[in-house]
């Protein structure tokens, strides 16, 4: 959840989000950025 205030933004987790939805979102991100994530992993692992 993102809450906008006069001082800036407050980020809070959404507690009612289901595990299945979180995993589906993670898979979608990994699919979309597969090449970039693969390159980053090779850089990180030397």
N, C-alpha and C. Protein backbone atom coordinates (compact mmCIF):
# COMPACT_ATOMS: atom_id res chain seq x y z
N UNK A 1 0.84 -1.15 0.00
CA UNK A 1 0.00 0.00 0.00
C UNK A 1 0.90 1.23 0.00
N UNK A 2 0.56 2.23 -0.77
CA UNK A 2 1.29 3.48 -0.83
C UNK A 2 0.38 4.58 -0.33
N UNK A 3 0.85 5.31 0.67
CA UNK A 3 0.07 6.40 1.23
C UNK A 3 0.85 7.69 0.99
N UNK A 4 0.21 8.65 0.35
CA UNK A 4 0.86 9.93 0.08
C UNK A 4 0.54 10.89 1.21
N UNK A 5 1.59 11.54 1.76
CA UNK A 5 1.42 12.53 2.81
C UNK A 5 2.07 13.83 2.37
N UNK A 6 1.92 14.87 3.16
CA UNK A 6 2.56 16.15 2.86
C UNK A 6 4.09 16.01 2.90
N UNK A 7 4.59 15.08 3.71
CA UNK A 7 6.03 14.89 3.87
C UNK A 7 6.63 13.89 2.89
N UNK A 8 5.83 13.17 2.17
CA UNK A 8 6.34 12.18 1.24
C UNK A 8 5.41 10.99 1.12
N UNK A 9 6.00 9.81 0.94
CA UNK A 9 5.22 8.59 0.76
C UNK A 9 5.48 7.63 1.91
N UNK A 10 4.47 6.89 2.27
CA UNK A 10 4.59 5.82 3.26
C UNK A 10 4.27 4.51 2.55
N UNK A 11 5.17 3.55 2.65
CA UNK A 11 4.96 2.23 2.05
C UNK A 11 4.61 1.24 3.16
N UNK A 12 3.52 0.54 3.00
CA UNK A 12 3.10 -0.46 3.98
C UNK A 12 2.74 -1.74 3.25
N UNK A 13 3.10 -2.89 3.82
CA UNK A 13 2.73 -4.15 3.18
C UNK A 13 1.22 -4.37 3.22
N UNK A 14 0.74 -5.07 2.24
CA UNK A 14 -0.68 -5.44 2.21
C UNK A 14 -0.77 -6.84 2.80
N UNK A 15 -1.29 -6.94 3.97
CA UNK A 15 -1.28 -8.20 4.71
C UNK A 15 -2.25 -9.25 4.17
N UNK A 16 -3.30 -8.84 3.51
CA UNK A 16 -4.31 -9.79 3.05
C UNK A 16 -3.98 -10.39 1.68
N UNK A 17 -2.85 -10.00 1.11
CA UNK A 17 -2.47 -10.51 -0.20
C UNK A 17 -2.15 -12.01 -0.09
N UNK A 18 -2.71 -12.80 -0.94
CA UNK A 18 -2.55 -14.24 -0.84
C UNK A 18 -1.16 -14.69 -1.34
N UNK A 19 -0.69 -15.77 -0.80
CA UNK A 19 0.59 -16.33 -1.20
C UNK A 19 0.59 -16.67 -2.69
N UNK A 20 -0.52 -17.22 -3.17
CA UNK A 20 -0.63 -17.59 -4.58
C UNK A 20 -0.50 -16.35 -5.48
N UNK A 21 -1.13 -15.29 -5.10
CA UNK A 21 -1.04 -14.05 -5.90
C UNK A 21 0.38 -13.51 -5.89
N UNK A 22 1.04 -13.54 -4.74
CA UNK A 22 2.42 -13.07 -4.65
C UNK A 22 3.33 -13.91 -5.54
N UNK A 23 3.15 -15.22 -5.52
CA UNK A 23 3.98 -16.10 -6.35
C UNK A 23 3.71 -15.87 -7.83
N UNK A 24 2.46 -15.68 -8.22
CA UNK A 24 2.13 -15.42 -9.61
C UNK A 24 2.76 -14.10 -10.08
N UNK A 25 2.74 -13.10 -9.22
CA UNK A 25 3.36 -11.82 -9.56
C UNK A 25 4.86 -11.98 -9.70
N UNK A 26 5.49 -12.71 -8.78
CA UNK A 26 6.94 -12.94 -8.86
C UNK A 26 7.30 -13.67 -10.14
N UNK A 27 6.52 -14.68 -10.51
CA UNK A 27 6.79 -15.42 -11.75
C UNK A 27 6.65 -14.51 -12.97
N UNK A 28 5.64 -13.65 -12.96
CA UNK A 28 5.43 -12.74 -14.09
C UNK A 28 6.61 -11.78 -14.24
N UNK A 29 7.11 -11.26 -13.13
CA UNK A 29 8.27 -10.37 -13.16
C UNK A 29 9.49 -11.12 -13.65
N UNK A 30 9.70 -12.33 -13.14
CA UNK A 30 10.87 -13.12 -13.56
C UNK A 30 10.79 -13.48 -15.04
N UNK A 31 9.59 -13.78 -15.53
CA UNK A 31 9.44 -14.07 -16.96
C UNK A 31 9.73 -12.84 -17.80
N UNK A 32 9.21 -11.70 -17.37
CA UNK A 32 9.38 -10.46 -18.13
C UNK A 32 10.83 -10.02 -18.19
N UNK A 33 11.56 -10.20 -17.09
CA UNK A 33 12.94 -9.72 -17.00
C UNK A 33 13.96 -10.86 -16.94
N UNK A 34 13.61 -11.99 -17.53
CA UNK A 34 14.46 -13.18 -17.45
C UNK A 34 15.89 -12.92 -17.91
N UNK A 35 16.06 -12.28 -19.05
CA UNK A 35 17.41 -12.03 -19.57
C UNK A 35 18.22 -11.14 -18.63
N UNK A 36 17.61 -10.07 -18.17
CA UNK A 36 18.31 -9.15 -17.27
C UNK A 36 18.66 -9.84 -15.96
N UNK A 37 17.74 -10.62 -15.41
CA UNK A 37 18.01 -11.32 -14.15
C UNK A 37 19.12 -12.36 -14.32
N UNK A 38 19.14 -13.02 -15.46
CA UNK A 38 20.19 -14.00 -15.74
C UNK A 38 21.56 -13.32 -15.80
N UNK A 39 21.62 -12.16 -16.49
CA UNK A 39 22.88 -11.41 -16.57
C UNK A 39 23.33 -10.93 -15.19
N UNK A 40 22.38 -10.44 -14.40
CA UNK A 40 22.73 -10.00 -13.06
C UNK A 40 23.25 -11.16 -12.20
N UNK A 41 22.65 -12.32 -12.34
CA UNK A 41 23.09 -13.46 -11.53
C UNK A 41 24.51 -13.88 -11.91
N UNK A 42 24.86 -13.79 -13.20
CA UNK A 42 26.22 -14.17 -13.59
C UNK A 42 27.21 -13.13 -13.08
N UNK A 43 26.84 -11.87 -13.07
CA UNK A 43 27.71 -10.83 -12.52
C UNK A 43 27.92 -11.01 -11.03
N UNK A 44 26.85 -11.34 -10.33
CA UNK A 44 26.92 -11.50 -8.88
C UNK A 44 27.72 -12.75 -8.49
N UNK A 45 27.70 -13.77 -9.32
CA UNK A 45 28.38 -15.03 -8.99
C UNK A 45 29.76 -15.11 -9.60
N UNK A 46 30.19 -14.05 -10.26
CA UNK A 46 31.54 -13.99 -10.81
C UNK A 46 31.69 -14.80 -12.00
